[in-house]
Every structure is written in structure tokens, then in C-alpha cells.
Amino acid sequence: MIRKGIISNVPGATARITFLDLDQSVSYELPICPHVLDLHVGDMVVVAFWGTSLADGAVIGKVV
């Protein structure tokens, strides 16, 4: 599943994402793919999930 969300925390090589379409649910810390650079709180990103949990995914792109 692919979802779009907003970064709420980016402590390093991981990020927590808020999904407005899921009643502002916040993901667990997800890894950021190495090709995705210069992320900040408030940036819109694309996240790929391979399970039904908000813990099983990775940030795969930044929406500019």
C-alpha cells in the first residue's frame, strides 16, 4: 500500500509520519530510503507499506 503523509518528526535516518486521511494517525519511526534527501518536519512524503501496520513501511519519496 502507498500512502501520502506529513513528517511530524525526523530524528535522523528515520521519520514519523502523520496521515491526515487516517484521522491524523502517526506512524512508528520508519526508515528513510537513502535517495530521499533533506527532509524536514512539515514536508509531504510518500510512504510504501508492505503490511497492514503503520510500523511496516519506509519513506520512499518527497512530494515537492
C-alpha atoms as a PDB file:
ATOM      1  CA  MET A   1       0.000   0.000   0.000  1.00  0.00           C
ATOM      2  CA  ILE A   2       1.208   3.522  -0.825  1.00  0.00           C
ATOM      3  CA  ARG A   3       0.169   6.469   1.368  1.00  0.00           C
ATOM      4  CA  LYS A   4       0.905  10.201   1.435  1.00  0.00           C
ATOM      5  CA  GLY A   5       1.600  11.913   4.752  1.00  0.00           C
ATOM      6  CA  ILE A   6       3.339  14.760   6.532  1.00  0.00           C
ATOM      7  CA  ILE A   7       6.547  14.394   8.539  1.00  0.00           C
ATOM      8  CA  SER A   8       5.920  15.008  12.227  1.00  0.00           C
ATOM      9  CA  ASN A   9       9.395  14.030  13.478  1.00  0.00           C
ATOM     10  CA  VAL A  10      12.674  13.265  11.704  1.00  0.00           C
ATOM     11  CA  PRO A  11      15.358  12.298  14.237  1.00  0.00           C
ATOM     12  CA  GLY A  12      17.924  11.079  11.683  1.00  0.00           C
ATOM     13  CA  ALA A  13      17.621   8.185   9.231  1.00  0.00           C
ATOM     14  CA  THR A  14      14.018   7.561  10.336  1.00  0.00           C
ATOM     15  CA  ALA A  15      10.831   9.615  10.391  1.00  0.00           C
ATOM     16  CA  ARG A  16       7.375   9.582  11.961  1.00  0.00           C
ATOM     17  CA  ILE A  17       4.598  10.422   9.542  1.00  0.00           C
ATOM     18  CA  THR A  18       1.134  11.864  10.222  1.00  0.00           C
ATOM     19  CA  PHE A  19      -1.611  10.620   7.888  1.00  0.00           C
ATOM     20  CA  LEU A  20      -4.413  13.175   7.653  1.00  0.00           C
ATOM     21  CA  ASP A  21      -6.717  10.714   5.868  1.00  0.00           C
ATOM     22  CA  LEU A  22      -6.410   8.271   8.799  1.00  0.00           C
ATOM     23  CA  ASP A  23      -7.735  10.676  11.458  1.00  0.00           C
ATOM     24  CA  GLN A  24      -4.216  12.080  11.932  1.00  0.00           C
ATOM     25  CA  SER A  25      -2.747   8.684  12.891  1.00  0.00           C
ATOM     26  CA  VAL A  26       1.026   8.800  13.380  1.00  0.00           C
ATOM     27  CA  SER A  27       3.328   6.027  12.194  1.00  0.00           C
ATOM     28  CA  TYR A  28       6.084   4.399  14.156  1.00  0.00           C
ATOM     29  CA  GLU A  29       9.596   5.506  13.208  1.00  0.00           C
ATOM     30  CA  LEU A  30      10.048   4.415   9.609  1.00  0.00           C
ATOM     31  CA  PRO A  31      13.336   4.179   7.718  1.00  0.00           C
ATOM     32  CA  ILE A  32      14.025   6.776   5.052  1.00  0.00           C
ATOM     33  CA  CYS A  33      15.331   5.411   1.732  1.00  0.00           C
ATOM     34  CA  PRO A  34      18.867   6.649   1.009  1.00  0.00           C
ATOM     35  CA  HIS A  35      17.855   8.509  -2.177  1.00  0.00           C
ATOM     36  CA  VAL A  36      15.387  10.708  -0.226  1.00  0.00           C
ATOM     37  CA  LEU A  37      17.343  13.729   0.977  1.00  0.00           C
ATOM     38  CA  ASP A  38      16.785  16.886   3.020  1.00  0.00           C
ATOM     39  CA  LEU A  39      13.566  16.054   4.896  1.00  0.00           C
ATOM     40  CA  HIS A  40      12.093  18.401   7.496  1.00  0.00           C
ATOM     41  CA  VAL A  41       9.074  18.462   9.795  1.00  0.00           C
ATOM     42  CA  GLY A  42       6.064  19.513   7.713  1.00  0.00           C
ATOM     43  CA  ASP A  43       7.304  18.033   4.420  1.00  0.00           C
ATOM     44  CA  MET A  44       4.841  15.873   2.490  1.00  0.00           C
ATOM     45  CA  VAL A  45       6.200  12.406   1.718  1.00  0.00           C
ATOM     46  CA  VAL A  46       5.200   9.145   0.047  1.00  0.00           C
ATOM     47  CA  VAL A  47       5.387   6.015   2.193  1.00  0.00           C
ATOM     48  CA  ALA A  48       5.286   2.402   0.987  1.00  0.00           C
ATOM     49  CA  PHE A  49       3.809  -0.155   3.401  1.00  0.00           C
ATOM     50  CA  TRP A  50       4.195  -3.915   2.976  1.00  0.00           C
ATOM     51  CA  GLY A  51       1.813  -4.873   5.766  1.00  0.00           C
ATOM     52  CA  THR A  52      -1.304  -3.577   7.469  1.00  0.00           C
ATOM     53  CA  SER A  53       0.592  -1.937  10.335  1.00  0.00           C
ATOM     54  CA  LEU A  54       1.884   1.644  10.327  1.00  0.00           C
ATOM     55  CA  ALA A  55       5.188   0.139  11.512  1.00  0.00           C
ATOM     56  CA  ASP A  56       5.887  -1.904   8.354  1.00  0.00           C
ATOM     57  CA  GLY A  57       6.950   0.662   5.803  1.00  0.00           C
ATOM     58  CA  ALA A  58       9.557   3.110   4.515  1.00  0.00           C
ATOM     59  CA  VAL A  59       9.635   6.689   3.266  1.00  0.00           C
ATOM     60  CA  ILE A  60      10.264   6.368  -0.474  1.00  0.00           C
ATOM     61  CA  GLY A  61       9.879   9.932  -1.725  1.00  0.00           C
ATOM     62  CA  LYS A  62       9.300  13.608  -1.010  1.00  0.00           C
ATOM     63  CA  VAL A  63       6.399  15.445  -2.659  1.00  0.00           C
ATOM     64  CA  VAL A  64       7.600  18.816  -3.931  1.00  0.00           C
END
